[in-house]
Amino acid sequence: MSQDKSACTQYNKPVTEINRSFSESDMSTIGGTEYTTPTSTRHMFVSTRLKRKREDIDLSSELTNFKEEIKNIMTTMINEHSAELKKINPTLADIKNTNHNIENSIAFLMAQNDEYKKKIEKLEQQSQQDRLNIATLEEKIEEMHKGMRKANFEIKNVPKKMNETKEDLLEMVKCLTSNIGCPLPKTEIKDIYRQRSKKEGIKNSTILVETTSTLLKNDIIKMCKAFNIKHKSKLCAKHLGLHINEDTPIYISENLTPKASRLLFRGKELVRSKAYKYCWTSYGKVYLRKDDNTPILLLKTEAQIQQIMQSC
């Protein structure tokens, strides 16, 4: 019995060392003595190592194949992209040239635009100066025309006689001035004529009388106004010595320039609208007054009247 136990102990000892050898770093030496792996166990380890080598070879082969496939794919893609780039490059070059041409055109147009702006500014300044010069010249011409007409007066709405002559016109003026109490000798009349009517078919046109003195002309106009105020029967054709259409009313006024006539017409519109109370002329100029307590306003332009109408 003791022998069997001893034999079992001796048998079990190598097994324990074998079991412990799996965790040791050096499997050939344990406790300073060489150890030989049993044949069955050695066969087991050898077969395991052979199997792992085959797996490593398969993985390495697959990895190599994968790399080759990726390399081929990348090469194909690069070649395709290179071919596409070769096709696109000429188009890109054309686009680049076109953009360059467009940029040059834009730069040229901008330079032209700046040049035109400068020219336009100069032209505007010149135009403004020209307008000022024209306004100054128009004012001077207007004053010259007023000076030429300052001794003239008009007799409006005068019926026309058959075969009328200047002597007939002179007799009319002499008769009129006698009736108003301001006789006008023939020697004081420089010229007299009947103006042509702007509208056809109008027989009662205006007679223009040019006297030798502005003071004389003003006296005649004042006396005509005073006559109309004093008498119920206003001045009419019979006061000119006419026996046809005797009751035709006549009107005596200054000989105004076209511009002054227009201003007078617009001023009377303000009077008719009751925005202003008085509008009259004196020495060829047109005046406006809102009421008896307001200052007198000299009308110079239609723009001035337009401002007055807007403020009313």
Protein backbone atom coordinates (compact mmCIF):
# COMPACT_ATOMS: atom_id res chain seq x y z
CA MET A 1 0.00 0.00 0.00
CA SER A 2 2.76 2.40 0.89
CA GLN A 3 4.49 1.53 -2.34
CA ASP A 4 1.39 2.31 -4.38
CA LYS A 5 1.02 5.63 -2.62
CA SER A 6 4.65 6.46 -3.27
CA ALA A 7 4.25 5.57 -6.91
CA CYS A 8 1.14 7.71 -7.18
CA THR A 9 3.04 10.59 -5.64
CA GLN A 10 5.84 10.19 -8.12
CA TYR A 11 3.39 10.07 -10.94
CA ASN A 12 1.46 13.08 -9.83
CA LYS A 13 4.50 15.33 -9.40
CA PRO A 14 5.32 15.61 -13.12
CA VAL A 15 1.69 16.31 -13.87
CA THR A 16 1.70 19.21 -11.41
CA GLU A 17 4.86 20.60 -12.99
CA ILE A 18 3.34 20.24 -16.44
CA ASN A 19 0.24 22.08 -15.33
CA ARG A 20 2.37 24.81 -13.80
CA SER A 21 4.54 25.07 -16.90
CA PHE A 22 1.75 26.70 -18.89
CA SER A 23 2.22 29.93 -16.90
CA GLU A 24 6.02 29.92 -16.94
CA SER A 25 8.04 31.89 -19.41
CA ASP A 26 10.60 29.12 -20.04
CA MET A 27 8.91 25.80 -20.55
CA SER A 28 12.15 23.79 -20.98
CA THR A 29 13.48 24.50 -17.48
CA ILE A 30 11.55 24.33 -14.30
CA GLY A 31 13.39 24.62 -11.00
CA GLY A 32 16.79 24.27 -12.72
CA THR A 33 16.00 20.83 -14.23
CA GLU A 34 15.28 20.12 -17.86
CA TYR A 35 11.83 19.01 -18.61
CA THR A 36 10.66 17.04 -21.62
CA THR A 37 7.13 17.43 -22.81
CA PRO A 38 5.30 14.20 -23.26
CA THR A 39 4.82 12.99 -26.77
CA SER A 40 1.08 13.38 -26.81
CA THR A 41 1.27 16.92 -25.49
CA ARG A 42 4.01 17.84 -27.97
CA HIS A 43 1.89 16.69 -30.85
CA MET A 44 -0.96 18.87 -29.63
CA PHE A 45 1.16 22.08 -29.55
CA VAL A 46 2.73 21.37 -32.91
CA SER A 47 -0.62 20.97 -34.59
CA THR A 48 -1.87 24.23 -33.06
CA ARG A 49 1.12 26.20 -34.30
CA LEU A 50 0.78 24.80 -37.82
CA LYS A 51 -2.85 25.90 -37.96
CA ARG A 52 -2.04 29.49 -36.95
CA LYS A 53 0.59 29.76 -39.68
CA ARG A 54 -1.95 28.82 -42.34
CA GLU A 55 -4.39 31.45 -41.04
CA ASP A 56 -1.64 34.08 -41.07
CA ILE A 57 -0.77 33.15 -44.63
CA ASP A 58 -4.43 33.41 -45.70
CA LEU A 59 -4.84 36.80 -44.02
CA SER A 60 -1.64 38.08 -45.52
CA SER A 61 -2.73 36.90 -48.95
CA GLU A 62 -6.15 38.49 -48.57
CA LEU A 63 -4.58 41.74 -47.36
CA THR A 64 -2.22 41.72 -50.32
CA ASN A 65 -5.10 41.11 -52.70
CA PHE A 66 -7.13 43.86 -51.04
CA LYS A 67 -4.23 46.26 -51.37
CA GLU A 68 -3.88 45.36 -55.02
CA GLU A 69 -7.59 45.90 -55.61
CA ILE A 70 -7.51 49.27 -53.85
CA LYS A 71 -4.41 50.19 -55.80
CA ASN A 72 -6.08 49.23 -59.07
CA ILE A 73 -9.24 51.15 -58.15
CA MET A 74 -7.24 54.23 -57.20
CA THR A 75 -5.18 53.95 -60.36
CA THR A 76 -8.36 53.69 -62.45
CA MET A 77 -9.93 56.65 -60.68
CA ILE A 78 -6.79 58.73 -61.06
CA ASN A 79 -6.59 57.88 -64.76
CA GLU A 80 -10.27 58.76 -65.23
CA HIS A 81 -9.85 62.01 -63.35
CA SER A 82 -6.74 62.81 -65.34
CA ALA A 83 -8.64 62.21 -68.56
CA GLU A 84 -11.51 64.39 -67.36
CA LEU A 85 -9.09 67.12 -66.30
CA LYS A 86 -7.46 67.00 -69.71
CA LYS A 87 -10.90 67.56 -71.23
CA ILE A 88 -11.83 70.28 -68.71
CA ASN A 89 -8.52 72.19 -68.86
CA PRO A 90 -9.16 73.75 -72.30
CA THR A 91 -12.63 74.80 -71.18
CA LEU A 92 -11.21 76.27 -67.99
CA ALA A 93 -8.61 78.09 -70.03
CA ASP A 94 -11.35 79.53 -72.27
CA ILE A 95 -13.37 80.57 -69.21
CA LYS A 96 -10.27 82.17 -67.73
CA ASN A 97 -9.61 84.09 -70.93
CA THR A 98 -13.26 85.10 -71.11
CA ASN A 99 -13.20 86.32 -67.51
CA HIS A 100 -10.01 88.21 -68.23
CA ASN A 101 -11.64 89.85 -71.25
CA ILE A 102 -14.72 90.67 -69.20
CA GLU A 103 -12.57 92.22 -66.48
CA ASN A 104 -10.76 94.30 -69.07
CA SER A 105 -14.08 95.37 -70.60
CA ILE A 106 -15.49 96.30 -67.20
CA ALA A 107 -12.35 98.27 -66.36
CA PHE A 108 -12.62 100.06 -69.72
CA LEU A 109 -16.32 100.80 -69.20
CA MET A 110 -15.67 102.07 -65.68
CA ALA A 111 -12.96 104.37 -66.98
CA GLN A 112 -15.33 105.60 -69.70
CA ASN A 113 -18.09 106.04 -67.14
CA ASP A 114 -15.84 108.17 -64.94
CA GLU A 115 -14.87 110.23 -67.97
CA TYR A 116 -18.51 110.70 -68.98
CA LYS A 117 -19.44 111.66 -65.42
CA LYS A 118 -16.80 114.38 -65.45
CA LYS A 119 -18.05 115.59 -68.83
CA ILE A 120 -21.66 115.57 -67.64
CA GLU A 121 -20.71 117.54 -64.53
CA LYS A 122 -18.92 120.09 -66.70
CA LEU A 123 -21.90 120.26 -69.06
CA GLU A 124 -24.31 120.70 -66.13
CA GLN A 125 -22.20 123.51 -64.75
CA GLN A 126 -22.01 125.08 -68.18
CA SER A 127 -25.75 124.61 -68.66
CA GLN A 128 -26.45 126.27 -65.32
CA GLN A 129 -24.21 129.16 -66.24
CA ASP A 130 -25.87 129.39 -69.66
CA ARG A 131 -29.32 129.49 -68.03
CA LEU A 132 -28.18 132.34 -65.81
CA ASN A 133 -26.77 134.17 -68.82
CA ILE A 134 -29.97 133.57 -70.80
CA ALA A 135 -32.08 134.83 -67.91
CA THR A 136 -29.91 137.93 -67.70
CA LEU A 137 -30.18 138.52 -71.46
CA GLU A 138 -33.95 137.97 -71.41
CA GLU A 139 -34.27 140.47 -68.61
CA LYS A 140 -32.20 143.01 -70.54
CA ILE A 141 -34.25 142.43 -73.71
CA GLU A 142 -37.45 142.77 -71.69
CA GLU A 143 -36.24 146.09 -70.28
CA MET A 144 -35.35 147.27 -73.79
CA HIS A 145 -38.82 146.38 -75.07
CA LYS A 146 -40.42 148.16 -72.14
CA GLY A 147 -38.32 151.22 -72.89
CA MET A 148 -39.44 151.16 -76.53
CA ARG A 149 -43.11 150.91 -75.48
CA LYS A 150 -43.09 153.25 -72.50
CA ALA A 151 -44.71 156.13 -74.45
CA ASN A 152 -47.32 153.90 -76.17
CA PHE A 153 -50.89 153.12 -75.26
CA GLU A 154 -53.51 150.81 -76.77
CA ILE A 155 -57.18 151.29 -77.61
CA LYS A 156 -58.72 147.80 -77.63
CA ASN A 157 -61.93 146.47 -79.20
CA VAL A 158 -62.26 149.30 -81.72
CA PRO A 159 -64.70 148.59 -84.62
CA LYS A 160 -63.05 148.86 -88.01
CA LYS A 161 -64.28 151.30 -90.65
CA MET A 162 -64.46 150.50 -94.35
CA ASN A 163 -61.32 151.59 -96.19
CA GLU A 164 -59.79 152.82 -92.94
CA THR A 165 -56.72 155.11 -93.14
CA LYS A 166 -54.27 156.60 -90.66
CA GLU A 167 -56.15 159.90 -90.84
CA ASP A 168 -59.23 158.06 -89.62
CA LEU A 169 -57.25 156.63 -86.73
CA LEU A 170 -55.86 160.07 -85.84
CA GLU A 171 -59.38 161.53 -85.78
CA MET A 172 -60.50 158.74 -83.46
CA VAL A 173 -57.67 159.48 -81.01
CA LYS A 174 -58.30 163.26 -81.13
CA CYS A 175 -62.01 162.69 -80.45
CA LEU A 176 -61.27 160.33 -77.56
CA THR A 177 -58.77 162.63 -75.86
CA SER A 178 -61.15 165.58 -76.22
CA ASN A 179 -63.99 163.61 -74.58
CA ILE A 180 -61.86 162.62 -71.58
CA GLY A 181 -60.56 166.18 -71.08
CA CYS A 182 -56.97 165.61 -72.22
CA PRO A 183 -56.65 166.90 -75.81
CA LEU A 184 -53.82 165.32 -77.80
CA PRO A 185 -52.50 167.40 -80.70
CA LYS A 186 -51.48 165.64 -83.88
CA THR A 187 -47.91 166.81 -83.36
CA GLU A 188 -47.72 164.77 -80.12
CA ILE A 189 -48.43 161.53 -81.95
CA LYS A 190 -45.34 159.85 -83.39
CA ASP A 191 -47.17 156.93 -84.97
CA ILE A 192 -50.53 155.20 -85.01
CA TYR A 193 -51.69 151.93 -86.59
CA ARG A 194 -54.15 149.10 -86.15
CA GLN A 195 -52.63 145.81 -85.04
CA ARG A 196 -53.43 142.60 -86.83
CA SER A 197 -55.54 140.23 -84.86
CA LYS A 198 -54.03 136.84 -84.03
CA LYS A 199 -57.42 135.20 -84.59
CA GLU A 200 -59.16 135.26 -87.94
CA GLY A 201 -62.60 136.79 -88.29
CA ILE A 202 -62.16 139.38 -85.51
CA LYS A 203 -62.94 142.88 -86.78
CA ASN A 204 -62.62 144.81 -83.53
CA SER A 205 -58.84 144.80 -83.28
CA THR A 206 -56.48 147.03 -81.27
CA ILE A 207 -55.20 150.48 -82.26
CA LEU A 208 -51.67 151.28 -81.10
CA VAL A 209 -50.79 154.92 -80.43
CA GLU A 210 -47.18 156.02 -79.99
CA THR A 211 -46.86 159.43 -78.32
CA THR A 212 -43.86 161.69 -77.88
CA SER A 213 -43.84 161.54 -74.08
CA THR A 214 -44.28 158.89 -71.39
CA LEU A 215 -45.85 161.52 -69.16
CA LEU A 216 -48.41 162.34 -71.83
CA LYS A 217 -49.27 158.67 -72.25
CA ASN A 218 -49.71 158.26 -68.48
CA ASP A 219 -51.99 161.32 -68.33
CA ILE A 220 -54.23 159.93 -71.07
CA ILE A 221 -54.57 156.57 -69.30
CA LYS A 222 -55.33 158.28 -65.96
CA MET A 223 -57.98 160.48 -67.52
CA CYS A 224 -59.60 157.45 -69.19
CA LYS A 225 -59.81 155.67 -65.83
CA ALA A 226 -61.21 158.78 -64.17
CA PHE A 227 -63.82 159.12 -66.94
CA ASN A 228 -65.02 155.55 -66.41
CA ILE A 229 -65.29 156.17 -62.67
CA LYS A 230 -67.27 159.43 -63.04
CA HIS A 231 -69.65 158.39 -65.80
CA LYS A 232 -72.11 155.54 -65.83
CA SER A 233 -71.65 155.16 -69.56
CA LYS A 234 -68.14 153.80 -69.89
CA LEU A 235 -65.90 154.60 -72.79
CA CYS A 236 -67.27 153.14 -76.02
CA ALA A 237 -67.07 153.52 -79.81
CA LYS A 238 -69.11 156.72 -79.88
CA HIS A 239 -66.37 158.48 -77.84
CA LEU A 240 -64.08 157.77 -80.79
CA GLY A 241 -66.48 159.58 -83.12
CA LEU A 242 -67.80 156.35 -84.69
CA HIS A 243 -71.43 156.17 -85.73
CA ILE A 244 -71.51 152.43 -86.37
CA ASN A 245 -71.65 150.10 -83.36
CA GLU A 246 -71.57 153.12 -81.07
CA ASP A 247 -72.15 151.13 -77.88
CA THR A 248 -69.18 148.82 -78.40
CA PRO A 249 -67.04 149.17 -75.25
CA ILE A 250 -63.40 150.17 -75.69
CA TYR A 251 -60.47 149.78 -73.32
CA ILE A 252 -57.38 151.95 -72.93
CA SER A 253 -54.21 150.46 -71.45
CA GLU A 254 -50.45 150.48 -71.65
CA ASN A 255 -48.70 148.78 -74.52
CA LEU A 256 -47.19 145.82 -72.65
CA THR A 257 -44.61 143.33 -73.78
CA PRO A 258 -45.81 139.73 -74.37
CA LYS A 259 -44.23 138.67 -71.08
CA ALA A 260 -45.86 141.51 -69.14
CA SER A 261 -49.21 140.78 -70.80
CA ARG A 262 -48.97 137.18 -69.65
CA LEU A 263 -48.10 138.25 -66.10
CA LEU A 264 -51.05 140.66 -66.08
CA PHE A 265 -53.39 137.89 -67.23
CA ARG A 266 -52.18 135.53 -64.49
CA GLY A 267 -52.36 138.30 -61.91
CA LYS A 268 -55.99 139.02 -62.80
CA GLU A 269 -56.71 135.33 -62.34
CA LEU A 270 -55.59 135.74 -58.73
CA VAL A 271 -57.91 138.73 -58.38
CA ARG A 272 -60.84 136.79 -59.86
CA SER A 273 -60.17 133.95 -57.44
CA LYS A 274 -60.23 136.57 -54.62
CA ALA A 275 -56.80 135.49 -53.43
CA TYR A 276 -55.61 139.06 -54.13
CA LYS A 277 -57.54 142.32 -54.33
CA TYR A 278 -55.56 144.44 -56.81
CA CYS A 279 -53.56 143.86 -60.00
CA TRP A 280 -52.44 146.73 -62.25
CA THR A 281 -49.65 147.98 -64.50
CA SER A 282 -47.42 151.03 -64.37
CA TYR A 283 -44.60 151.94 -66.77
CA GLY A 284 -44.84 148.48 -68.31
CA LYS A 285 -44.54 146.61 -65.01
CA VAL A 286 -47.17 144.43 -63.36
CA TYR A 287 -48.02 144.84 -59.67
CA LEU A 288 -50.06 142.76 -57.24
CA ARG A 289 -51.52 143.59 -53.84
CA LYS A 290 -53.44 141.31 -51.51
CA ASP A 291 -55.36 144.05 -49.68
CA ASP A 292 -55.07 147.66 -48.58
CA ASN A 293 -52.76 146.85 -45.66
CA THR A 294 -50.27 144.57 -47.42
CA PRO A 295 -47.15 145.64 -49.34
CA ILE A 296 -47.15 145.94 -53.14
CA LEU A 297 -45.62 142.97 -54.96
CA LEU A 298 -43.80 143.35 -58.30
CA LEU A 299 -44.38 140.38 -60.61
CA LYS A 300 -41.33 139.31 -62.59
CA THR A 301 -41.86 135.68 -63.56
CA GLU A 302 -44.65 133.14 -63.90
CA ALA A 303 -42.81 130.90 -61.42
CA GLN A 304 -43.37 133.65 -58.87
CA ILE A 305 -47.12 133.54 -59.55
CA GLN A 306 -47.06 129.74 -59.30
CA GLN A 307 -45.51 130.00 -55.82
CA ILE A 308 -48.16 132.54 -54.84
CA MET A 309 -50.95 130.24 -56.01
CA GLN A 310 -49.49 127.29 -54.08
CA SER A 311 -49.25 129.35 -50.89
CA CYS A 312 -52.86 130.51 -51.15
